[in-house]
Amino acid sequence: MTDQVDNWHKLARYDTNIQGELHANLLRNNDISVSLQPLSAMPGMNSGIVLWVQDTDLAHAQKILDSIDKDAASLPEPNDNNGGTL
């Protein structure tokens, strides 16, 4: 029998809860067990969150998170020239 409490490793820390929950769901969709640790004990506080994963999933989870294009949100909008001018 193993003690699974000791098998969790800190994967990432996010400044906002929604960011952490989004990435946790991405990992869960890839069959990775994820535990979330809010950085505030008060419900509704958006003080950040830490993601924890089992040691057997650590490398796979890190590879998935590393593949996310973090600059996509800051890319310029394409020219949406629909033929009309205002």
N, C-alpha and C. Protein backbone atom coordinates (compact mmCIF):
# COMPACT_ATOMS: atom_id res chain seq x y z
N MET A 1 0.84 -1.18 0.00
CA MET A 1 0.00 0.00 0.00
C MET A 1 0.89 1.25 0.00
N THR A 2 0.57 2.21 -0.85
CA THR A 2 1.36 3.43 -0.92
C THR A 2 0.58 4.59 -0.33
N ASP A 3 1.30 5.58 0.09
CA ASP A 3 0.68 6.79 0.63
C ASP A 3 0.56 7.80 -0.50
N GLN A 4 -0.63 7.92 -1.10
CA GLN A 4 -0.82 8.78 -2.26
C GLN A 4 -0.77 10.26 -1.91
N VAL A 5 -0.82 10.59 -0.64
CA VAL A 5 -0.75 11.99 -0.25
C VAL A 5 0.61 12.58 -0.66
N ASP A 6 1.65 11.77 -0.59
CA ASP A 6 2.99 12.25 -0.91
C ASP A 6 3.30 12.24 -2.40
N ASN A 7 2.38 11.80 -3.23
CA ASN A 7 2.63 11.68 -4.66
C ASN A 7 2.21 12.90 -5.47
N TRP A 8 1.80 13.97 -4.82
CA TRP A 8 1.36 15.17 -5.53
C TRP A 8 2.51 16.16 -5.66
N HIS A 9 2.59 16.80 -6.83
CA HIS A 9 3.64 17.78 -7.10
C HIS A 9 3.02 19.07 -7.62
N LYS A 10 3.58 20.18 -7.20
CA LYS A 10 3.11 21.49 -7.66
C LYS A 10 3.46 21.63 -9.13
N LEU A 11 2.45 21.89 -9.95
CA LEU A 11 2.66 22.02 -11.39
C LEU A 11 2.75 23.48 -11.81
N ALA A 12 1.82 24.30 -11.34
CA ALA A 12 1.78 25.70 -11.79
C ALA A 12 1.01 26.55 -10.80
N ARG A 13 1.29 27.84 -10.84
CA ARG A 13 0.56 28.82 -10.04
C ARG A 13 0.03 29.88 -10.99
N TYR A 14 -1.23 30.26 -10.80
CA TYR A 14 -1.86 31.26 -11.64
C TYR A 14 -2.35 32.42 -10.81
N ASP A 15 -2.28 33.62 -11.37
CA ASP A 15 -2.69 34.82 -10.65
C ASP A 15 -4.20 34.95 -10.51
N THR A 16 -4.94 34.30 -11.42
CA THR A 16 -6.39 34.35 -11.34
C THR A 16 -6.95 32.93 -11.25
N ASN A 17 -8.04 32.77 -10.55
CA ASN A 17 -8.66 31.47 -10.38
C ASN A 17 -9.16 30.90 -11.71
N ILE A 18 -9.72 31.76 -12.55
CA ILE A 18 -10.29 31.29 -13.81
C ILE A 18 -9.20 30.72 -14.72
N GLN A 19 -8.03 31.32 -14.70
CA GLN A 19 -6.90 30.80 -15.49
C GLN A 19 -6.53 29.40 -15.03
N GLY A 20 -6.42 29.23 -13.73
CA GLY A 20 -6.07 27.93 -13.18
C GLY A 20 -7.14 26.88 -13.45
N GLU A 21 -8.40 27.27 -13.30
CA GLU A 21 -9.49 26.33 -13.56
C GLU A 21 -9.55 25.93 -15.02
N LEU A 22 -9.28 26.87 -15.91
CA LEU A 22 -9.26 26.58 -17.34
C LEU A 22 -8.17 25.56 -17.68
N HIS A 23 -6.98 25.77 -17.15
CA HIS A 23 -5.89 24.84 -17.42
C HIS A 23 -6.11 23.50 -16.72
N ALA A 24 -6.73 23.51 -15.55
CA ALA A 24 -7.04 22.26 -14.86
C ALA A 24 -8.03 21.43 -15.69
N ASN A 25 -9.02 22.08 -16.27
CA ASN A 25 -9.98 21.36 -17.11
C ASN A 25 -9.32 20.81 -18.37
N LEU A 26 -8.38 21.55 -18.93
CA LEU A 26 -7.64 21.04 -20.08
C LEU A 26 -6.89 19.76 -19.72
N LEU A 27 -6.26 19.76 -18.56
CA LEU A 27 -5.53 18.57 -18.12
C LEU A 27 -6.49 17.42 -17.82
N ARG A 28 -7.61 17.73 -17.19
CA ARG A 28 -8.60 16.68 -16.90
C ARG A 28 -9.15 16.06 -18.18
N ASN A 29 -9.32 16.87 -19.22
CA ASN A 29 -9.77 16.35 -20.51
C ASN A 29 -8.74 15.42 -21.14
N ASN A 30 -7.51 15.48 -20.65
CA ASN A 30 -6.44 14.59 -21.12
C ASN A 30 -6.16 13.49 -20.10
N ASP A 31 -7.15 13.17 -19.28
CA ASP A 31 -7.08 12.08 -18.29
C ASP A 31 -5.98 12.26 -17.25
N ILE A 32 -5.76 13.49 -16.83
CA ILE A 32 -4.78 13.79 -15.79
C ILE A 32 -5.53 14.24 -14.55
N SER A 33 -5.24 13.63 -13.41
CA SER A 33 -5.86 14.03 -12.15
C SER A 33 -5.22 15.33 -11.67
N VAL A 34 -6.06 16.31 -11.37
CA VAL A 34 -5.59 17.63 -10.96
C VAL A 34 -6.27 18.02 -9.65
N SER A 35 -5.50 18.58 -8.75
CA SER A 35 -6.04 19.14 -7.52
C SER A 35 -5.79 20.64 -7.53
N LEU A 36 -6.80 21.42 -7.16
CA LEU A 36 -6.68 22.88 -7.14
C LEU A 36 -6.57 23.37 -5.71
N GLN A 37 -5.66 24.29 -5.48
CA GLN A 37 -5.48 24.90 -4.16
C GLN A 37 -5.65 26.41 -4.29
N PRO A 38 -6.82 26.93 -3.92
CA PRO A 38 -7.00 28.39 -3.95
C PRO A 38 -6.05 29.07 -2.97
N LEU A 39 -5.59 30.24 -3.31
CA LEU A 39 -4.65 30.96 -2.45
C LEU A 39 -5.34 31.87 -1.45
N SER A 40 -6.67 31.81 -1.42
CA SER A 40 -7.44 32.55 -0.42
C SER A 40 -8.49 31.62 0.14
N ALA A 41 -8.69 31.69 1.45
CA ALA A 41 -9.70 30.85 2.10
C ALA A 41 -11.09 31.45 1.99
N MET A 42 -11.18 32.69 1.52
CA MET A 42 -12.47 33.36 1.41
C MET A 42 -13.08 33.09 0.04
N PRO A 43 -14.28 32.53 -0.02
CA PRO A 43 -14.93 32.29 -1.31
C PRO A 43 -15.12 33.58 -2.09
N GLY A 44 -14.90 33.51 -3.39
CA GLY A 44 -15.09 34.68 -4.24
C GLY A 44 -13.86 35.55 -4.40
N MET A 45 -12.86 35.34 -3.58
CA MET A 45 -11.63 36.12 -3.73
C MET A 45 -10.83 35.57 -4.90
N ASN A 46 -10.43 36.42 -5.79
CA ASN A 46 -9.70 36.00 -6.98
C ASN A 46 -8.21 36.23 -6.76
N SER A 47 -7.66 35.52 -5.78
CA SER A 47 -6.27 35.77 -5.39
C SER A 47 -5.29 34.79 -6.00
N GLY A 48 -5.76 33.92 -6.87
CA GLY A 48 -4.86 32.97 -7.51
C GLY A 48 -5.13 31.55 -7.09
N ILE A 49 -4.45 30.63 -7.77
CA ILE A 49 -4.68 29.21 -7.54
C ILE A 49 -3.43 28.43 -7.93
N VAL A 50 -3.21 27.30 -7.25
CA VAL A 50 -2.08 26.42 -7.55
C VAL A 50 -2.63 25.09 -8.05
N LEU A 51 -2.02 24.56 -9.10
CA LEU A 51 -2.39 23.25 -9.63
C LEU A 51 -1.40 22.21 -9.15
N TRP A 52 -1.93 21.08 -8.67
CA TRP A 52 -1.14 19.96 -8.20
C TRP A 52 -1.50 18.73 -9.03
N VAL A 53 -0.52 17.91 -9.40
CA VAL A 53 -0.77 16.69 -10.15
C VAL A 53 0.01 15.53 -9.52
N GLN A 54 -0.44 14.32 -9.80
CA GLN A 54 0.25 13.12 -9.33
C GLN A 54 1.61 13.03 -10.02
N ASP A 55 2.59 12.41 -9.34
CA ASP A 55 3.93 12.32 -9.91
C ASP A 55 3.96 11.53 -11.21
N THR A 56 3.03 10.58 -11.39
CA THR A 56 3.00 9.79 -12.62
C THR A 56 2.52 10.61 -13.81
N ASP A 57 1.80 11.72 -13.56
CA ASP A 57 1.28 12.57 -14.63
C ASP A 57 2.06 13.86 -14.81
N LEU A 58 3.06 14.08 -14.00
CA LEU A 58 3.76 15.37 -13.98
C LEU A 58 4.37 15.74 -15.33
N ALA A 59 5.11 14.85 -15.95
CA ALA A 59 5.77 15.15 -17.23
C ALA A 59 4.75 15.41 -18.33
N HIS A 60 3.71 14.58 -18.39
CA HIS A 60 2.69 14.75 -19.42
C HIS A 60 1.94 16.07 -19.23
N ALA A 61 1.61 16.40 -17.99
CA ALA A 61 0.90 17.65 -17.69
C ALA A 61 1.76 18.86 -18.05
N GLN A 62 3.03 18.81 -17.73
CA GLN A 62 3.93 19.92 -18.06
C GLN A 62 4.04 20.10 -19.56
N LYS A 63 4.09 19.00 -20.29
CA LYS A 63 4.17 19.06 -21.76
C LYS A 63 2.91 19.72 -22.34
N ILE A 64 1.76 19.38 -21.79
CA ILE A 64 0.50 19.97 -22.27
C ILE A 64 0.48 21.47 -21.99
N LEU A 65 0.84 21.87 -20.78
CA LEU A 65 0.84 23.30 -20.44
C LEU A 65 1.87 24.07 -21.25
N ASP A 66 3.01 23.46 -21.53
CA ASP A 66 4.04 24.13 -22.32
C ASP A 66 3.61 24.33 -23.77
N SER A 67 2.65 23.52 -24.25
CA SER A 67 2.22 23.62 -25.64
C SER A 67 1.19 24.73 -25.85
N ILE A 68 0.70 25.35 -24.77
CA ILE A 68 -0.30 26.41 -24.90
C ILE A 68 0.38 27.68 -25.39
N ASP A 69 -0.21 28.30 -26.42
CA ASP A 69 0.31 29.55 -26.97
C ASP A 69 -0.13 30.69 -26.07
N LYS A 70 0.76 31.15 -25.22
CA LYS A 70 0.43 32.18 -24.25
C LYS A 70 0.33 33.57 -24.87
N ASP A 71 0.86 33.74 -26.09
CA ASP A 71 0.82 35.04 -26.75
C ASP A 71 -0.39 35.20 -27.65
N ALA A 72 -1.23 34.18 -27.78
CA ALA A 72 -2.37 34.24 -28.69
C ALA A 72 -3.33 35.36 -28.32
N ALA A 73 -3.49 35.63 -27.04
CA ALA A 73 -4.43 36.67 -26.61
C ALA A 73 -3.95 38.06 -26.99
N SER A 74 -2.67 38.23 -27.23
CA SER A 74 -2.15 39.56 -27.54
C SER A 74 -1.88 39.75 -29.03
N LEU A 75 -2.25 38.79 -29.84
CA LEU A 75 -2.04 38.93 -31.28
C LEU A 75 -2.99 39.98 -31.84
N PRO A 76 -2.56 40.73 -32.86
CA PRO A 76 -3.45 41.74 -33.44
C PRO A 76 -4.61 41.07 -34.18
N GLU A 77 -5.73 41.76 -34.22
CA GLU A 77 -6.89 41.27 -34.94
C GLU A 77 -6.61 41.29 -36.44
N PRO A 78 -7.07 40.28 -37.17
CA PRO A 78 -6.89 40.30 -38.62
C PRO A 78 -7.73 41.41 -39.23
N ASN A 79 -7.32 41.89 -40.39
CA ASN A 79 -8.05 42.93 -41.08
C ASN A 79 -9.38 42.35 -41.56
N ASP A 80 -10.46 42.82 -40.98
CA ASP A 80 -11.79 42.31 -41.31
C ASP A 80 -12.45 43.23 -42.32
N ASN A 81 -11.91 43.25 -43.51
CA ASN A 81 -12.44 44.10 -44.55
C ASN A 81 -13.57 43.34 -45.25
N ASN A 82 -14.79 43.71 -44.90
CA ASN A 82 -15.94 43.02 -45.48
C ASN A 82 -16.48 43.73 -46.71
N GLY A 83 -15.71 44.63 -47.26
CA GLY A 83 -16.12 45.30 -48.49
C GLY A 83 -16.77 46.63 -48.28
N GLY A 84 -17.10 46.96 -47.07
CA GLY A 84 -17.76 48.24 -46.81
C GLY A 84 -16.87 49.16 -46.00
N THR A 85 -17.17 50.44 -46.06
CA THR A 85 -16.45 51.42 -45.26
C THR A 85 -17.44 52.24 -44.48
N LEU A 86 -17.01 52.70 -43.35
CA LEU A 86 -17.87 53.54 -42.51
C LEU A 86 -17.38 54.95 -42.52
